[in-house]
Structures are given as C-alpha cells and as structure tokens.
C-alpha atoms as a PDB file:
ATOM      1  CA  MET A   1      -0.183   0.598   0.016  1.00  0.00           C
ATOM      2  CA  PRO A   2       1.361   3.341  -0.595  1.00  0.00           C
ATOM      3  CA  LYS A   3       2.248   4.859   1.767  1.00  0.00           C
ATOM      4  CA  ARG A   4      -0.104   8.558   1.462  1.00  0.00           C
ATOM      5  CA  SER A   5      -3.414   5.900   1.417  1.00  0.00           C
ATOM      6  CA  LEU A   6      -1.578   4.514   4.541  1.00  0.00           C
ATOM      7  CA  ALA A   7      -1.074   7.983   6.375  1.00  0.00           C
ATOM      8  CA  CYS A   8      -4.927   9.297   5.611  1.00  0.00           C
ATOM      9  CA  LEU A   9      -6.904   5.892   6.693  1.00  0.00           C
ATOM     10  CA  LEU A  10      -4.583   5.970  10.316  1.00  0.00           C
ATOM     11  CA  PHE A  11      -5.616  10.222  10.235  1.00  0.00           C
ATOM     12  CA  ALA A  12      -9.231   8.942   9.671  1.00  0.00           C
ATOM     13  CA  ALA A  13      -8.826   6.698  12.874  1.00  0.00           C
ATOM     14  CA  ALA A  14      -7.895   9.393  15.116  1.00  0.00           C
ATOM     15  CA  CYS A  15     -10.826  11.746  14.266  1.00  0.00           C
ATOM     16  CA  GLY A  16     -13.479   9.444  14.382  1.00  0.00           C
ATOM     17  CA  GLY A  17     -11.437   8.249  17.794  1.00  0.00           C
ATOM     18  CA  SER A  18     -12.156  11.729  19.288  1.00  0.00           C
ATOM     19  CA  GLN A  19     -15.636  12.197  18.637  1.00  0.00           C
ATOM     20  CA  SER A  20     -18.825  10.411  20.460  1.00  0.00           C
ATOM     21  CA  GLN A  21     -19.747   7.619  19.308  1.00  0.00           C
ATOM     22  CA  THR A  22     -23.691   7.381  17.819  1.00  0.00           C
ATOM     23  CA  PRO A  23     -25.613   3.979  19.335  1.00  0.00           C
ATOM     24  CA  VAL A  24     -25.918   1.037  17.309  1.00  0.00           C
ATOM     25  CA  ALA A  25     -30.002   0.760  16.274  1.00  0.00           C
ATOM     26  CA  PRO A  26     -30.742  -3.141  17.457  1.00  0.00           C
ATOM     27  CA  PRO A  27     -31.372  -4.985  14.775  1.00  0.00           C
ATOM     28  CA  PRO A  28     -35.648  -5.348  13.903  1.00  0.00           C
ATOM     29  CA  GLY A  29     -37.445  -6.620  16.325  1.00  0.00           C
ATOM     30  CA  ASP A  30     -34.957  -6.386  18.980  1.00  0.00           C
ATOM     31  CA  THR A  31     -36.199  -4.045  21.997  1.00  0.00           C
ATOM     32  CA  HIS A  32     -33.800  -2.421  24.866  1.00  0.00           C
ATOM     33  CA  VAL A  33     -36.715  -1.394  26.778  1.00  0.00           C
ATOM     34  CA  THR A  34     -37.523  -3.389  30.613  1.00  0.00           C
ATOM     35  CA  PRO A  35     -40.977  -3.971  31.164  1.00  0.00           C
ATOM     36  CA  ALA A  36     -42.094  -2.746  34.347  1.00  0.00           C
ATOM     37  CA  ALA A  37     -42.913  -5.568  37.080  1.00  0.00           C
ATOM     38  CA  PRO A  38     -46.634  -6.561  37.465  1.00  0.00           C
ATOM     39  CA  ASP A  39     -48.445  -5.188  41.462  1.00  0.00           C
ATOM     40  CA  VAL A  40     -49.690  -9.355  41.604  1.00  0.00           C
ATOM     41  CA  VAL A  41     -46.927 -11.933  40.786  1.00  0.00           C
ATOM     42  CA  PRO A  42     -49.444 -14.113  38.163  1.00  0.00           C
ATOM     43  CA  PRO A  43     -49.808 -18.043  39.888  1.00  0.00           C
ATOM     44  CA  ALA A  44     -48.037 -21.000  38.216  1.00  0.00           C
ATOM     45  CA  PRO A  45     -50.296 -22.923  35.603  1.00  0.00           C
ATOM     46  CA  GLY A  46     -52.419 -25.359  38.125  1.00  0.00           C
ATOM     47  CA  GLU A  47     -52.237 -22.472  40.889  1.00  0.00           C
ATOM     48  CA  THR A  48     -54.704 -21.648  42.099  1.00  0.00           C
ATOM     49  CA  GLN A  49     -54.355 -17.732  42.901  1.00  0.00           C
ATOM     50  CA  THR A  50     -56.051 -16.161  45.878  1.00  0.00           C
ATOM     51  CA  PRO A  51     -57.752 -13.338  46.494  1.00  0.00           C
ATOM     52  CA  PRO A  52     -55.714 -10.664  48.364  1.00  0.00           C
ATOM     53  CA  THR A  53     -57.439  -9.991  51.589  1.00  0.00           C
ATOM     54  CA  PRO A  54     -59.663  -7.137  52.156  1.00  0.00           C
ATOM     55  CA  PRO A  55     -58.915  -4.630  54.486  1.00  0.00           C
ATOM     56  CA  PRO A  56     -61.416  -4.565  58.512  1.00  0.00           C
ATOM     57  CA  GLN A  57     -64.366  -2.276  58.318  1.00  0.00           C
ATOM     58  CA  PRO A  58     -65.026  -0.777  61.128  1.00  0.00           C
ATOM     59  CA  ASP A  59     -67.714  -2.145  63.334  1.00  0.00           C
ATOM     60  CA  GLU A  60     -70.729  -0.298  63.066  1.00  0.00           C
ATOM     61  CA  ARG A  61     -72.146  -0.706  67.035  1.00  0.00           C
ATOM     62  CA  ALA A  62     -68.617   0.711  68.033  1.00  0.00           C
ATOM     63  CA  SER A  63     -69.470   3.526  66.137  1.00  0.00           C
ATOM     64  CA  ARG A  64     -72.852   4.497  67.912  1.00  0.00           C
ATOM     65  CA  PRO A  65     -72.915   6.604  70.810  1.00  0.00           C
ATOM     66  CA  PRO A  66     -73.475   4.767  73.791  1.00  0.00           C
ATOM     67  CA  ALA A  67     -77.391   4.353  75.108  1.00  0.00           C
ATOM     68  CA  LEU A  68     -78.125   6.884  77.489  1.00  0.00           C
ATOM     69  CA  PRO A  69     -79.683   5.298  80.953  1.00  0.00           C
ATOM     70  CA  LEU A  70     -83.532   4.662  81.308  1.00  0.00           C
ATOM     71  CA  PRO A  71     -84.618   8.278  83.608  1.00  0.00           C
ATOM     72  CA  GLU A  72     -85.514   7.524  87.498  1.00  0.00           C
ATOM     73  CA  GLY A  73     -89.396   8.247  88.075  1.00  0.00           C
ATOM     74  CA  THR A  74     -92.719   8.422  86.501  1.00  0.00           C
ATOM     75  CA  THR A  75     -94.928  11.743  85.563  1.00  0.00           C
ATOM     76  CA  ILE A  76     -97.688  12.905  87.236  1.00  0.00           C
ATOM     77  CA  GLU A  77    -100.522  14.454  84.634  1.00  0.00           C
ATOM     78  CA  LEU A  78    -103.372  16.459  86.202  1.00  0.00           C
ATOM     79  CA  LYS A  79    -105.734  16.065  83.058  1.00  0.00           C
ATOM     80  CA  ASN A  80    -108.443  18.998  82.672  1.00  0.00           C
ATOM     81  CA  ASP A  81    -111.810  17.384  81.008  1.00  0.00           C
ATOM     82  CA  GLY A  82    -113.569  20.316  81.989  1.00  0.00           C
ATOM     83  CA  ASP A  83    -114.704  23.133  79.799  1.00  0.00           C
ATOM     84  CA  GLY A  84    -112.306  25.774  81.688  1.00  0.00           C
ATOM     85  CA  ASP A  85    -109.793  26.397  82.793  1.00  0.00           C
ATOM     86  CA  LEU A  86    -107.735  24.679  86.413  1.00  0.00           C
ATOM     87  CA  MET A  87    -105.597  26.021  88.575  1.00  0.00           C
ATOM     88  CA  PHE A  88    -103.395  24.545  90.844  1.00  0.00           C
ATOM     89  CA  SER A  89    -101.847  26.845  93.688  1.00  0.00           C
ATOM     90  CA  THR A  90     -98.279  25.271  93.552  1.00  0.00           C
ATOM     91  CA  THR A  91     -96.727  28.759  96.010  1.00  0.00           C
ATOM     92  CA  LYS A  92     -95.947  26.077  98.901  1.00  0.00           C
ATOM     93  CA  GLY A  93     -94.326  23.439  96.638  1.00  0.00           C
ATOM     94  CA  TRP A  94     -96.912  20.502  95.069  1.00  0.00           C
ATOM     95  CA  GLN A  95     -96.906  18.722  98.152  1.00  0.00           C
ATOM     96  CA  PRO A  96    -100.435  20.750  99.114  1.00  0.00           C
ATOM     97  CA  VAL A  97    -101.585  19.508  96.139  1.00  0.00           C
ATOM     98  CA  ILE A  98    -100.736  16.156  95.015  1.00  0.00           C
ATOM     99  CA  PHE A  99    -101.367  13.492  98.241  1.00  0.00           C
ATOM    100  CA  ALA A 100    -100.754   9.605  98.346  1.00  0.00           C
ATOM    101  CA  TYR A 101    -102.112   6.854 101.019  1.00  0.00           C
ATOM    102  CA  THR A 102    -102.804   3.155 101.802  1.00  0.00           C
ATOM    103  CA  GLY A 103    -105.721   1.816 102.439  1.00  0.00           C
ATOM    104  CA  LYS A 104    -109.379   3.841 103.912  1.00  0.00           C
ATOM    105  CA  PRO A 105    -109.784   6.443 106.154  1.00  0.00           C
ATOM    106  CA  PRO A 106    -110.137   6.330 108.774  1.00  0.00           C
ATOM    107  CA  LYS A 107    -107.322   3.903 109.468  1.00  0.00           C
ATOM    108  CA  ALA A 108    -105.310   4.879 106.021  1.00  0.00           C
ATOM    109  CA  LYS A 109    -101.185   5.992 106.044  1.00  0.00           C
ATOM    110  CA  SER A 110    -100.603   8.513 104.621  1.00  0.00           C
ATOM    111  CA  VAL A 111     -97.223   8.947 102.014  1.00  0.00           C
ATOM    112  CA  MET A 112     -95.486  12.439 101.325  1.00  0.00           C
ATOM    113  CA  LEU A 113     -94.620  12.215  97.493  1.00  0.00           C
ATOM    114  CA  PHE A 114     -93.111  15.465  97.212  1.00  0.00           C
ATOM    115  CA  GLU A 115     -91.329  17.808 100.538  1.00  0.00           C
ATOM    116  CA  GLY A 116     -93.376  20.028 102.647  1.00  0.00           C
ATOM    117  CA  PHE A 117     -92.536  23.625 102.320  1.00  0.00           C
ATOM    118  CA  CYS A 118     -89.542  25.329 103.550  1.00  0.00           C
ATOM    119  CA  THR A 119     -87.889  22.037 105.047  1.00  0.00           C
ATOM    120  CA  ALA A 120     -84.588  20.299 103.360  1.00  0.00           C
ATOM    121  CA  SER A 121     -83.014  17.156 102.921  1.00  0.00           C
ATOM    122  CA  CYS A 122     -80.672  15.612 106.438  1.00  0.00           C
ATOM    123  CA  ASP A 123     -77.847  15.161 104.252  1.00  0.00           C
ATOM    124  CA  VAL A 124     -77.798  19.226 103.522  1.00  0.00           C
ATOM    125  CA  PRO A 125     -74.694  20.103 105.481  1.00  0.00           C
ATOM    126  CA  GLY A 126     -74.965  23.033 108.286  1.00  0.00           C
ATOM    127  CA  ASP A 127     -78.008  25.634 108.856  1.00  0.00           C
ATOM    128  CA  GLY A 128     -79.278  24.717 105.875  1.00  0.00           C
ATOM    129  CA  VAL A 129     -80.534  21.604 107.121  1.00  0.00           C
ATOM    130  CA  CYS A 130     -82.962  23.881 109.025  1.00  0.00           C
ATOM    131  CA  PRO A 131     -84.115  27.410 106.026  1.00  0.00           C
ATOM    132  CA  VAL A 132     -85.649  29.665 107.589  1.00  0.00           C
ATOM    133  CA  CYS A 133     -88.770  31.388 105.432  1.00  0.00           C
ATOM    134  CA  ALA A 134     -89.727  34.690 105.540  1.00  0.00           C
ATOM    135  CA  PRO A 135     -94.016  34.978 105.793  1.00  0.00           C
ATOM    136  CA  PRO A 136     -95.256  37.883 103.479  1.00  0.00           C
ATOM    137  CA  LYS A 137     -95.857  41.326 104.669  1.00  0.00           C
ATOM    138  CA  ASN A 138     -98.671  42.544 103.542  1.00  0.00           C
ATOM    139  CA  LYS A 139    -101.220  41.403 100.387  1.00  0.00           C
ATOM    140  CA  LYS A 140     -99.068  43.082  97.727  1.00  0.00           C
ATOM    141  CA  GLU A 141     -96.068  40.244  99.024  1.00  0.00           C
ATOM    142  CA  GLU A 142     -98.055  38.146  98.777  1.00  0.00           C
ATOM    143  CA  LEU A 143     -99.605  38.133  95.737  1.00  0.00           C
ATOM    144  CA  ALA A 144     -96.200  38.621  94.334  1.00  0.00           C
ATOM    145  CA  MET A 145     -94.599  35.291  95.993  1.00  0.00           C
ATOM    146  CA  ALA A 146     -97.863  33.644  94.411  1.00  0.00           C
ATOM    147  CA  LYS A 147     -96.960  30.541  92.229  1.00  0.00           C
ATOM    148  CA  SER A 148     -99.406  28.395  89.815  1.00  0.00           C
ATOM    149  CA  GLU A 149    -100.052  25.949  87.562  1.00  0.00           C
ATOM    150  CA  THR A 150    -102.717  26.104  84.828  1.00  0.00           C
ATOM    151  CA  ALA A 151    -104.648  23.568  82.597  1.00  0.00           C
ATOM    152  CA  ALA A 152    -106.532  24.559  79.726  1.00  0.00           C
ATOM    153  CA  ALA A 153    -109.313  23.069  79.040  1.00  0.00           C
ATOM    154  CA  GLY A 154    -108.503  19.264  76.776  1.00  0.00           C
ATOM    155  CA  GLY A 155    -105.207  19.966  78.398  1.00  0.00           C
ATOM    156  CA  SER A 156    -103.179  18.771  81.168  1.00  0.00           C
ATOM    157  CA  VAL A 157    -100.121  19.856  83.674  1.00  0.00           C
ATOM    158  CA  LYS A 158     -97.489  17.149  83.772  1.00  0.00           C
ATOM    159  CA  VAL A 159     -95.635  17.246  86.946  1.00  0.00           C
ATOM    160  CA  PRO A 160     -92.178  15.070  87.053  1.00  0.00           C
ATOM    161  CA  TRP A 161     -92.357  12.309  90.947  1.00  0.00           C
ATOM    162  CA  ASP A 162     -88.875  10.791  91.460  1.00  0.00           C
ATOM    163  CA  GLY A 163     -90.844   7.808  92.641  1.00  0.00           C
ATOM    164  CA  LYS A 164     -89.706   8.194  96.405  1.00  0.00           C
ATOM    165  CA  VAL A 165     -91.452   8.913  99.473  1.00  0.00           C
ATOM    166  CA  LEU A 166     -90.291  11.682 101.608  1.00  0.00           C
ATOM    167  CA  VAL A 167     -90.304  10.502 105.341  1.00  0.00           C
ATOM    168  CA  TYR A 168     -89.173  13.361 108.506  1.00  0.00           C
ATOM    169  CA  ASP A 169     -87.622  12.877 111.342  1.00  0.00           C
ATOM    170  CA  LYS A 170     -85.264  15.197 113.901  1.00  0.00           C
ATOM    171  CA  ALA A 171     -82.615  16.938 111.887  1.00  0.00           C
ATOM    172  CA  PRO A 172     -79.150  15.994 113.323  1.00  0.00           C
ATOM    173  CA  GLY A 173     -77.360  17.441 116.138  1.00  0.00           C
ATOM    174  CA  LYS A 174     -79.070  20.617 118.226  1.00  0.00           C
ATOM    175  CA  LYS A 175     -81.137  21.621 115.039  1.00  0.00           C
ATOM    176  CA  HIS A 176     -84.549  22.561 116.205  1.00  0.00           C
ATOM    177  CA  CYS A 177     -86.562  21.357 112.918  1.00  0.00           C
ATOM    178  CA  LYS A 178     -87.086  18.748 111.674  1.00  0.00           C
ATOM    179  CA  CYS A 179     -85.680  17.350 107.622  1.00  0.00           C
ATOM    180  CA  TRP A 180     -86.159  14.589 105.517  1.00  0.00           C
ATOM    181  CA  LYS A 181     -85.239  11.618 103.897  1.00  0.00           C
ATOM    182  CA  LYS A 182     -85.761  10.019 100.770  1.00  0.00           C
ATOM    183  CA  VAL A 183     -86.924   6.076 100.112  1.00  0.00           C
ATOM    184  CA  ASP A 184     -88.778   3.562  98.189  1.00  0.00           C
ATOM    185  CA  PRO A 185     -92.263   3.887  98.899  1.00  0.00           C
ATOM    186  CA  PRO A 186     -93.279   0.255 100.577  1.00  0.00           C
ATOM    187  CA  ALA A 187     -95.292  -2.192  98.047  1.00  0.00           C
ATOM    188  CA  ASP A 188     -99.250  -1.475  98.028  1.00  0.00           C
ATOM    189  CA  THR A 189    -102.003   0.022  95.789  1.00  0.00           C
ATOM    190  CA  TYR A 190    -101.732   3.778  97.005  1.00  0.00           C
ATOM    191  CA  THR A 191    -104.616   6.382  96.461  1.00  0.00           C
ATOM    192  CA  ILE A 192    -103.536   8.767  94.295  1.00  0.00           C
ATOM    193  CA  LYS A 193    -105.526  12.013  95.399  1.00  0.00           C
ATOM    194  CA  ALA A 194    -104.876  16.104  93.482  1.00  0.00           C
ATOM    195  CA  CYS A 195    -106.574  18.947  94.479  1.00  0.00           C
ATOM    196  CA  GLY A 196    -107.094  22.338  92.119  1.00  0.00           C
ATOM    197  CA  LEU A 197    -109.256  25.582  91.782  1.00  0.00           C
ATOM    198  CA  ARG A 198    -111.701  26.472  89.110  1.00  0.00           C
ATOM    199  CA  PRO A 199    -112.335  30.498  88.543  1.00  0.00           C
ATOM    200  CA  SER A 200    -115.536  31.288  88.395  1.00  0.00           C
ATOM    201  CA  LYS A 201    -117.182  32.743  84.559  1.00  0.00           C
ATOM    202  CA  GLU A 202    -118.669  34.895  87.443  1.00  0.00           C
ATOM    203  CA  PRO A 203    -116.788  37.977  88.339  1.00  0.00           C
ATOM    204  CA  GLY A 204    -117.067  38.568  92.075  1.00  0.00           C
ATOM    205  CA  LYS A 205    -117.967  35.065  92.931  1.00  0.00           C
ATOM    206  CA  ALA A 206    -114.086  32.577  94.175  1.00  0.00           C
ATOM    207  CA  SER A 207    -113.227  29.160  92.821  1.00  0.00           C
ATOM    208  CA  LYS A 208    -114.736  26.450  93.376  1.00  0.00           C
ATOM    209  CA  PRO A 209    -112.098  23.407  94.824  1.00  0.00           C
ATOM    210  CA  VAL A 210    -111.915  20.047  92.526  1.00  0.00           C
ATOM    211  CA  CYS A 211    -110.562  17.535  93.448  1.00  0.00           C
ATOM    212  CA  THR A 212    -110.075  13.700  92.108  1.00  0.00           C
ATOM    213  CA  GLU A 213    -108.432  10.971  92.566  1.00  0.00           C
ATOM    214  CA  THR A 214    -107.430   7.164  91.099  1.00  0.00           C
ATOM    215  CA  GLN A 215    -105.305   4.315  92.199  1.00  0.00           C
ATOM    216  CA  ALA A 216    -102.036   2.993  91.279  1.00  0.00           C
ATOM    217  CA  ALA A 217     -99.558  -0.160  92.043  1.00  0.00           C
ATOM    218  CA  LEU A 218     -96.684   1.478  94.122  1.00  0.00           C
ATOM    219  CA  GLY A 219     -92.842   0.088  94.974  1.00  0.00           C
ATOM    220  CA  GLY A 220     -92.600  -2.660  92.689  1.00  0.00           C
ATOM    221  CA  GLY A 221     -91.269  -1.036  89.336  1.00  0.00           C
ATOM    222  CA  LEU A 222     -93.250   2.653  88.420  1.00  0.00           C
ATOM    223  CA  PRO A 223     -96.258   3.258  85.613  1.00  0.00           C
ATOM    224  CA  PRO A 224     -94.488   5.365  83.111  1.00  0.00           C
ATOM    225  CA  ALA A 225     -97.952   7.706  84.316  1.00  0.00           C
ATOM    226  CA  ILE A 226     -99.966   8.306  86.945  1.00  0.00           C
ATOM    227  CA  THR A 227    -103.386  10.627  85.563  1.00  0.00           C
ATOM    228  CA  LEU A 228    -106.013  11.768  86.866  1.00  0.00           C
ATOM    229  CA  SER A 229    -108.422  12.990  84.869  1.00  0.00           C
ATOM    230  CA  PHE A 230    -110.870  16.326  86.498  1.00  0.00           C
ATOM    231  CA  GLY A 231    -114.465  16.531  85.166  1.00  0.00           C
ATOM    232  CA  LYS A 232    -116.346  19.610  85.282  1.00  0.00           C
END
C-alpha cells in the first residue's frame, strides 16, 4: 500500500476516536426497554390464586354513641277534662296539691310524694338543714310570691316525680327542726289524690275547689305515668 494511502487511513481513525460514538440501532424486532414489574405475581400453571384479603371494616356498633340510661321516676299528669281552666296553687310546692295514701279512711296511712314547704334534706350540711322562710308582710307581697300552674280545657299539667316518698325526722345535732330523707315506697296499692281550683266565670264569685283521685301500684316498679282526670 502506498505511504500516502496508509497515512490517510491512520488520520481518519484518529479523528473518529475523538468524537462521541453513535449508539448502534438494535436489529429489527429487538427492543432494550425493560418491562415494568407487575404488582401481582401471576400464578404458576395449575395453581389457584387467592384474592387479596380486604382491609378490616370498622364495627358499626362501635361507632354508635352509647345508649343513655332510662330516666328514673314517673310523671303525674293532671288532666283537665272540663270546659274551663283548672288552676293549681304551687306557692308552697306540689305537696299541698298532690296526696297519696294506703288503706281507707279513717285508717288510711298517708305518704308524702313531694317535700313540704320550707324544709330541707337531712344531708344538707350546716344550718341549711333548717331553712328560714319569712312569711309575706302584706297582701302585696303575698300576691308577688304566689305561684300557680294552669291547665286549659282539654289540656293537662305534667308533674315529674322521682318515685320516692319522703320520711321526716329530727334534724341531726342540736338543730330544732325536722328534715327529710327519701326512701322507696313500701309495695302496696296507693290512692293518689289531687285538688285544684276552677276560676268562677262570674265576676265576684270565688273559685270552686275540685278534687279527683286514682289508684296506682307502687313499690314494685313505677308506671310510666299516673293520670288524674278532672271532670266538670
């Protein structure tokens, strides 16, 4: 080979080595892209694939709020079946309005469903066990202190009662009064009686007192309601 041709070949080889090499294209039908790995490995031939276990669901019962306890006691409903208003004087509480007793007069034995006016529980500490309730000084003060509940014709007044009866005894220590404690009523059939006033429809005439009664078994569980109906 002539020296000039050999020199050209060596020069071309030197120039090509200093440039970046162009990647060689793969042969037709061949790729170099690596496939992504599947999330689930396919089962082997003849092998049954078990579906993935679903995540545990929250217990619906655990998400519910706890049931509230049933309220203790009952309701004494004073129902007005008359054609006019029925008024109950509650200035001194419900005890002068609603009474209860067992047996028959004159051998009836009464029980107190509500506390008496100006009395306190024997568990009240200090001088609170003997409250002081000053009487009204005049008629104006008496009217200002007066309280009442009224049931319109066809309506009623519902009085909550905790199902206990009150027993009075001498206050502890050197206190000079009586205080009360609440106990369950002895199991028996009780006569429940209530009295109210029907305002006169004629001006100047006094209100008419009206009373009614019913019977209820107490001491072995309470009825949901005790209803006393006042007629005309």
